[in-house]
Protein backbone atom coordinates (compact mmCIF):
# COMPACT_ATOMS: atom_id res chain seq x y z
CA UNK A 1 0.00 0.00 0.00
CA UNK A 2 2.92 2.32 0.57
CA UNK A 3 3.73 2.39 -3.12
CA UNK A 4 0.23 3.58 -4.00
CA UNK A 5 0.90 6.91 -2.27
CA UNK A 6 4.08 7.73 -4.14
CA UNK A 7 3.78 10.70 -6.52
CA UNK A 8 3.60 10.06 -10.24
CA UNK A 9 7.10 9.83 -11.71
CA UNK A 10 8.25 11.02 -15.11
CA UNK A 11 11.39 8.86 -15.11
CA UNK A 12 11.58 5.35 -16.61
CA UNK A 13 11.59 2.68 -13.93
CA UNK A 14 11.63 -0.68 -15.67
CA UNK A 15 14.19 -1.72 -18.31
CA UNK A 16 11.29 -2.13 -20.74
CA UNK A 17 10.48 1.57 -20.36
CA UNK A 18 14.06 2.51 -21.15
CA UNK A 19 14.04 0.33 -24.27
CA UNK A 20 10.76 1.88 -25.38
CA UNK A 21 12.20 5.35 -24.88
CA UNK A 22 15.17 4.47 -27.08
CA UNK A 23 12.86 2.97 -29.72
CA UNK A 24 10.69 6.10 -29.73
CA UNK A 25 13.72 8.37 -30.11
CA UNK A 26 15.06 6.16 -32.92
CA UNK A 27 11.72 6.30 -34.74
CA UNK A 28 11.55 10.08 -34.50
CA UNK A 29 15.17 10.34 -35.65
CA UNK A 30 14.49 8.22 -38.74
CA UNK A 31 11.32 10.17 -39.58
CA UNK A 32 13.04 13.53 -39.12
CA UNK A 33 16.46 12.93 -40.68
CA UNK A 34 15.57 10.65 -43.59
CA UNK A 35 12.56 12.00 -45.54
CA UNK A 36 12.39 8.89 -47.72
CA UNK A 37 12.01 6.73 -44.61
CA UNK A 38 9.39 8.91 -42.91
CA UNK A 39 6.73 6.21 -42.76
CA UNK A 40 9.21 3.69 -41.38
CA UNK A 41 10.10 6.07 -38.55
CA UNK A 42 6.42 6.88 -37.93
CA UNK A 43 5.58 3.16 -37.77
CA UNK A 44 8.32 2.62 -35.17
CA UNK A 45 6.87 5.47 -33.10
CA UNK A 46 3.30 4.18 -33.27
CA UNK A 47 4.37 0.63 -32.46
CA UNK A 48 6.31 1.95 -29.46
CA UNK A 49 3.22 3.84 -28.24
CA UNK A 50 1.05 0.71 -28.59
CA UNK A 51 3.53 -1.43 -26.64
CA UNK A 52 3.82 1.21 -23.89
CA UNK A 53 0.04 1.40 -23.63
CA UNK A 54 -0.19 -2.40 -23.44
CA UNK A 55 2.50 -2.71 -20.75
CA UNK A 56 0.86 -0.07 -18.56
CA UNK A 57 -2.78 -0.88 -19.34
CA UNK A 58 -3.64 -1.84 -15.75
CA UNK A 59 -2.09 1.35 -14.41
CA UNK A 60 -4.01 3.45 -16.94
CA UNK A 61 -7.23 1.71 -15.91
CA UNK A 62 -6.53 2.61 -12.26
CA UNK A 63 -5.79 6.22 -13.24
CA UNK A 64 -9.00 6.50 -15.27
CA UNK A 65 -10.92 5.02 -12.36
CA UNK A 66 -9.50 7.64 -10.00
CA UNK A 67 -10.38 10.44 -12.42
CA UNK A 68 -13.93 9.10 -12.85
CA UNK A 69 -14.47 8.80 -9.09
CA UNK A 70 -12.77 12.17 -8.48
CA UNK A 71 -10.25 10.67 -6.11
CA UNK A 72 -6.96 12.32 -5.27
CA UNK A 73 -4.46 11.74 -8.08
CA UNK A 74 -1.42 12.09 -5.83
CA UNK A 75 -1.62 8.35 -5.22
CA UNK A 76 -1.66 7.55 -8.96
CA UNK A 77 0.33 4.54 -10.14
CA UNK A 78 4.04 5.38 -9.98
CA UNK A 79 5.99 5.92 -13.22
CA UNK A 80 2.76 6.29 -15.20
CA UNK A 81 3.81 9.86 -15.98
CA UNK A 82 6.73 8.63 -18.05
CA UNK A 83 4.55 6.22 -20.00
CA UNK A 84 2.05 9.01 -20.69
CA UNK A 85 4.73 11.37 -21.98
CA UNK A 86 6.24 8.60 -24.11
CA UNK A 87 2.90 7.77 -25.74
CA UNK A 88 2.12 11.44 -26.43
CA UNK A 89 5.62 11.96 -27.85
CA UNK A 90 5.48 8.89 -30.11
CA UNK A 91 2.04 9.75 -31.47
CA UNK A 92 2.32 13.52 -31.69
CA UNK A 93 5.81 13.95 -33.17
CA UNK A 94 5.21 12.05 -36.46
CA UNK A 95 1.95 13.98 -36.92
CA UNK A 96 3.81 17.25 -36.43
CA UNK A 97 6.55 16.22 -38.86
CA UNK A 98 3.99 15.19 -41.46
CA UNK A 99 2.11 18.49 -41.18
CA UNK A 100 5.27 20.58 -41.46
CA UNK A 101 6.54 18.39 -44.32
CA UNK A 102 3.46 19.39 -46.31
CA UNK A 103 4.41 23.07 -46.22
CA UNK A 104 4.72 24.72 -49.67
CA UNK A 105 8.04 24.22 -51.41
CA UNK A 106 10.49 27.09 -51.34
CA UNK A 107 12.34 28.69 -54.23
CA UNK A 108 15.69 28.32 -52.47
CA UNK A 109 17.60 25.71 -50.54
CA UNK A 110 20.85 23.78 -50.13
CA UNK A 111 21.85 20.56 -51.87
CA UNK A 112 23.34 17.99 -49.52
CA UNK A 113 23.61 14.28 -48.90
CA UNK A 114 21.25 12.39 -46.63
CA UNK A 115 22.55 11.49 -43.19
CA UNK A 116 23.35 7.86 -43.97
CA UNK A 117 25.06 8.96 -47.18
CA UNK A 118 27.24 11.40 -45.26
CA UNK A 119 28.10 8.58 -42.85
CA UNK A 120 29.14 6.32 -45.75
CA UNK A 121 31.13 9.10 -47.41
CA UNK A 122 32.93 9.86 -44.16
CA UNK A 123 33.99 6.35 -43.19
CA UNK A 124 34.35 4.88 -46.68
CA UNK A 125 35.68 7.95 -48.40
CA UNK A 126 36.28 7.72 -52.14
CA UNK A 127 37.10 10.46 -54.65
CA UNK A 128 33.79 12.09 -55.70
CA UNK A 129 32.81 11.48 -59.32
CA UNK A 130 30.35 13.36 -61.52
CA UNK A 131 27.97 10.99 -63.34
CA UNK A 132 25.68 11.64 -66.31
CA UNK A 133 22.25 10.87 -64.88
CA UNK A 134 22.01 7.29 -63.69
CA UNK A 135 24.00 6.01 -66.65
CA UNK A 136 27.35 4.26 -66.35
CA UNK A 137 29.17 7.26 -67.81
CA UNK A 138 31.37 9.27 -65.44
CA UNK A 139 33.59 12.31 -65.84
CA UNK A 140 37.24 11.49 -65.27
CA UNK A 141 39.38 14.65 -64.81
CA UNK A 142 43.07 14.06 -65.39
CA UNK A 143 44.27 16.84 -63.07
CA UNK A 144 43.32 16.22 -59.40
CA UNK A 145 43.83 19.92 -58.60
CA UNK A 146 41.45 21.08 -61.33
CA UNK A 147 37.64 21.33 -61.01
CA UNK A 148 35.81 18.08 -61.68
CA UNK A 149 33.75 19.91 -64.31
CA UNK A 150 34.29 23.36 -65.82
CA UNK A 151 32.04 24.04 -68.80
CA UNK A 152 30.74 27.14 -70.58
CA UNK A 153 31.49 30.79 -70.10
CA UNK A 154 28.12 32.51 -70.29
CA UNK A 155 26.31 29.99 -68.08
CA UNK A 156 29.23 28.48 -66.24
CA UNK A 157 28.93 24.99 -64.78
CA UNK A 158 31.54 24.25 -62.17
CA UNK A 159 31.81 21.16 -59.97
CA UNK A 160 34.57 21.08 -57.35
CA UNK A 161 35.69 18.63 -54.71
CA UNK A 162 36.30 20.46 -51.42
CA UNK A 163 37.69 18.14 -48.71
CA UNK A 164 35.90 15.22 -50.30
CA UNK A 165 32.56 17.05 -50.62
CA UNK A 166 31.11 17.96 -53.99
CA UNK A 167 30.30 21.65 -54.54
CA UNK A 168 28.21 22.72 -57.54
CA UNK A 169 27.95 26.22 -58.97
CA UNK A 170 26.09 27.15 -62.15
CA UNK A 171 23.57 29.44 -63.78
CA UNK A 172 20.54 28.31 -65.73
CA UNK A 173 19.23 30.85 -68.25
CA UNK A 174 16.89 30.90 -71.22
CA UNK A 175 17.95 31.69 -74.78
CA UNK A 176 17.61 35.45 -74.13
CA UNK A 177 19.88 35.35 -71.08
CA UNK A 178 17.10 35.68 -68.49
CA UNK A 179 18.09 33.95 -65.27
CA UNK A 180 16.03 30.86 -64.49
CA UNK A 181 18.04 29.53 -61.54
CA UNK A 182 21.44 29.85 -59.92
CA UNK A 183 23.50 27.58 -57.69
CA UNK A 184 26.52 28.79 -55.73
CA UNK A 185 28.39 26.09 -53.78
CA UNK A 186 25.22 23.96 -53.52
CA UNK A 187 23.06 26.90 -52.37
CA UNK A 188 20.34 27.30 -55.01
CA UNK A 189 17.68 29.84 -55.90
CA UNK A 190 14.99 29.62 -58.56
CA UNK A 191 13.55 32.73 -60.25
CA UNK A 192 10.03 33.36 -61.53
CA UNK A 193 11.22 32.44 -65.05
CA UNK A 194 11.09 28.74 -64.12
CA UNK A 195 7.95 26.79 -64.98
CA UNK A 196 8.29 24.64 -61.86
CA UNK A 197 10.82 23.00 -59.59
CA UNK A 198 10.83 20.10 -57.17
CA UNK A 199 13.38 18.85 -54.69
CA UNK A 200 14.19 16.86 -51.60
CA UNK A 201 17.22 16.89 -49.31
CA UNK A 202 19.68 15.52 -51.88
CA UNK A 203 18.03 16.14 -55.29
CA UNK A 204 16.98 19.21 -57.25
CA UNK A 205 15.14 19.48 -60.55
CA UNK A 206 14.26 22.70 -62.39
CA UNK A 207 11.89 23.06 -65.35
CA UNK A 208 12.43 25.92 -67.79
CA UNK A 209 9.72 28.28 -69.02
CA UNK A 210 8.54 25.65 -71.53
CA UNK A 211 8.24 22.89 -68.93
CA UNK A 212 11.38 21.02 -70.04
CA UNK A 213 13.99 19.83 -67.56
CA UNK A 214 16.76 22.42 -67.53
CA UNK A 215 18.74 21.02 -64.60
CA UNK A 216 18.69 17.79 -62.64
CA UNK A 217 21.08 17.04 -59.77
CA UNK A 218 21.21 14.17 -57.28
CA UNK A 219 23.87 13.93 -54.56
CA UNK A 220 24.97 10.40 -53.63
CA UNK A 221 27.95 9.09 -51.62
CA UNK A 222 31.00 10.01 -53.68
CA UNK A 223 28.83 10.71 -56.75
CA UNK A 224 26.85 13.60 -58.21
CA UNK A 225 24.34 12.61 -60.88
CA UNK A 226 23.92 15.49 -63.28
CA UNK A 227 21.82 16.34 -66.34
CA UNK A 228 20.87 19.65 -67.89
CA UNK A 229 21.61 22.17 -70.63
CA UNK A 230 23.55 25.41 -70.89
CA UNK A 231 23.81 28.09 -73.56
CA UNK A 232 27.27 28.42 -75.10
CA UNK A 233 28.49 31.03 -77.58
CA UNK A 234 30.68 29.14 -80.04
CA UNK A 235 31.38 32.26 -82.09
CA UNK A 236 30.94 32.57 -85.87
CA UNK A 237 29.65 30.79 -87.80
CA UNK A 238 27.91 28.63 -85.17
CA UNK A 239 26.77 31.31 -82.76
CA UNK A 240 24.87 30.41 -79.59
CA UNK A 241 24.01 26.76 -79.13
CA UNK A 242 22.42 24.74 -76.38
CA UNK A 243 24.89 22.35 -74.77
CA UNK A 244 23.35 19.23 -73.23
CA UNK A 245 24.65 16.81 -70.64
CA UNK A 246 22.05 14.05 -70.69
CA UNK A 247 21.26 10.38 -70.50
CA UNK A 248 18.51 9.12 -72.80
CA UNK A 249 18.01 5.88 -74.76
CA UNK A 250 19.35 7.63 -77.86
CA UNK A 251 22.01 9.95 -76.43
CA UNK A 252 24.36 9.60 -73.47
CA UNK A 253 27.01 12.25 -72.98
CA UNK A 254 27.25 15.67 -74.62
CA UNK A 255 25.11 17.15 -77.37
CA UNK A 256 25.00 20.54 -79.10
CA UNK A 257 21.71 21.94 -80.46
CA UNK A 258 21.73 25.22 -82.46
CA UNK A 259 19.51 28.04 -81.22
CA UNK A 260 17.28 27.99 -84.31
CA UNK A 261 17.29 24.24 -84.78
CA UNK A 262 13.96 23.12 -86.30
CA UNK A 263 13.90 19.61 -84.83
CA UNK A 264 12.71 19.29 -81.22
CA UNK A 265 15.62 19.35 -78.74
CA UNK A 266 16.51 16.29 -76.64
CA UNK A 267 14.30 15.72 -73.62
CA UNK A 268 15.60 14.89 -70.16
CA UNK A 269 13.24 12.59 -68.27
CA UNK A 270 12.02 14.15 -64.99
CA UNK A 271 12.74 12.32 -61.76
CA UNK A 272 10.04 14.15 -59.76
CA UNK A 273 6.26 14.30 -60.01
CA UNK A 274 4.54 17.55 -61.01
CA UNK A 275 3.00 19.99 -60.30
CA UNK A 276 5.20 20.39 -57.26
CA UNK A 277 2.56 21.93 -54.92
CA UNK A 278 0.60 18.67 -55.23
CA UNK A 279 3.68 16.40 -55.10
CA UNK A 280 6.30 18.13 -52.90
CA UNK A 281 9.50 16.08 -52.96
CA UNK A 282 7.83 13.02 -54.55
CA UNK A 283 10.03 11.01 -56.89
CA UNK A 284 8.59 9.13 -59.84
């Protein structure tokens, strides 16, 4: 009877409570840090809440009985406070993350690798390599001190390796020189000239004013998958041409298309779903 008069505790008592606390924190961590694994993390949280409720079901029944009979709650079952907080945390946090995840997409952000990719890159470090889309074609610079990619003058594309991390800088413009998007050391901004854009933590895709893919970047451990086009002035007699880096069934590598070319230009397949307000961060 002495235990029944102890105040409610908010600290875990049994080893099972400690394990449940760790499982709840792990579930929230997965849901928060890895957007692609959100539902896995949420499932871990909800399962943790169900197990905690099952383990403490008799204590919750006693608490509800005291509330219903208006008895003093100071003699509530000990350590029920911790179980209550754990259940609220495991149920409420995934809901909060889901609601905030549905916020409208921004026109600016930072390209980076996902947490597990950064872990792999740190402990199994390999020289970063630019890759054309998801093809098997990679850029292979001969000079380690030089940029991995340095293309174009008007709309410069530059990819550097800084202490093993890939840094991308470029401008995306239309044929008149109007800025569509700009990236400076992985920090990107999209102007109103773009038709749409979509992104997640490690990928970015920008559609030009005609709805075609103008730039597509995905950061992976030691690899940057890249597709897009840039305008290059080749001088007389060629003039300004569109320079493609793309991977399609017909073309993999580089392609030049004159400004006034009558045939339709090559098309880069989108990796995201559109329109972006209805499919924020959703890959195909």
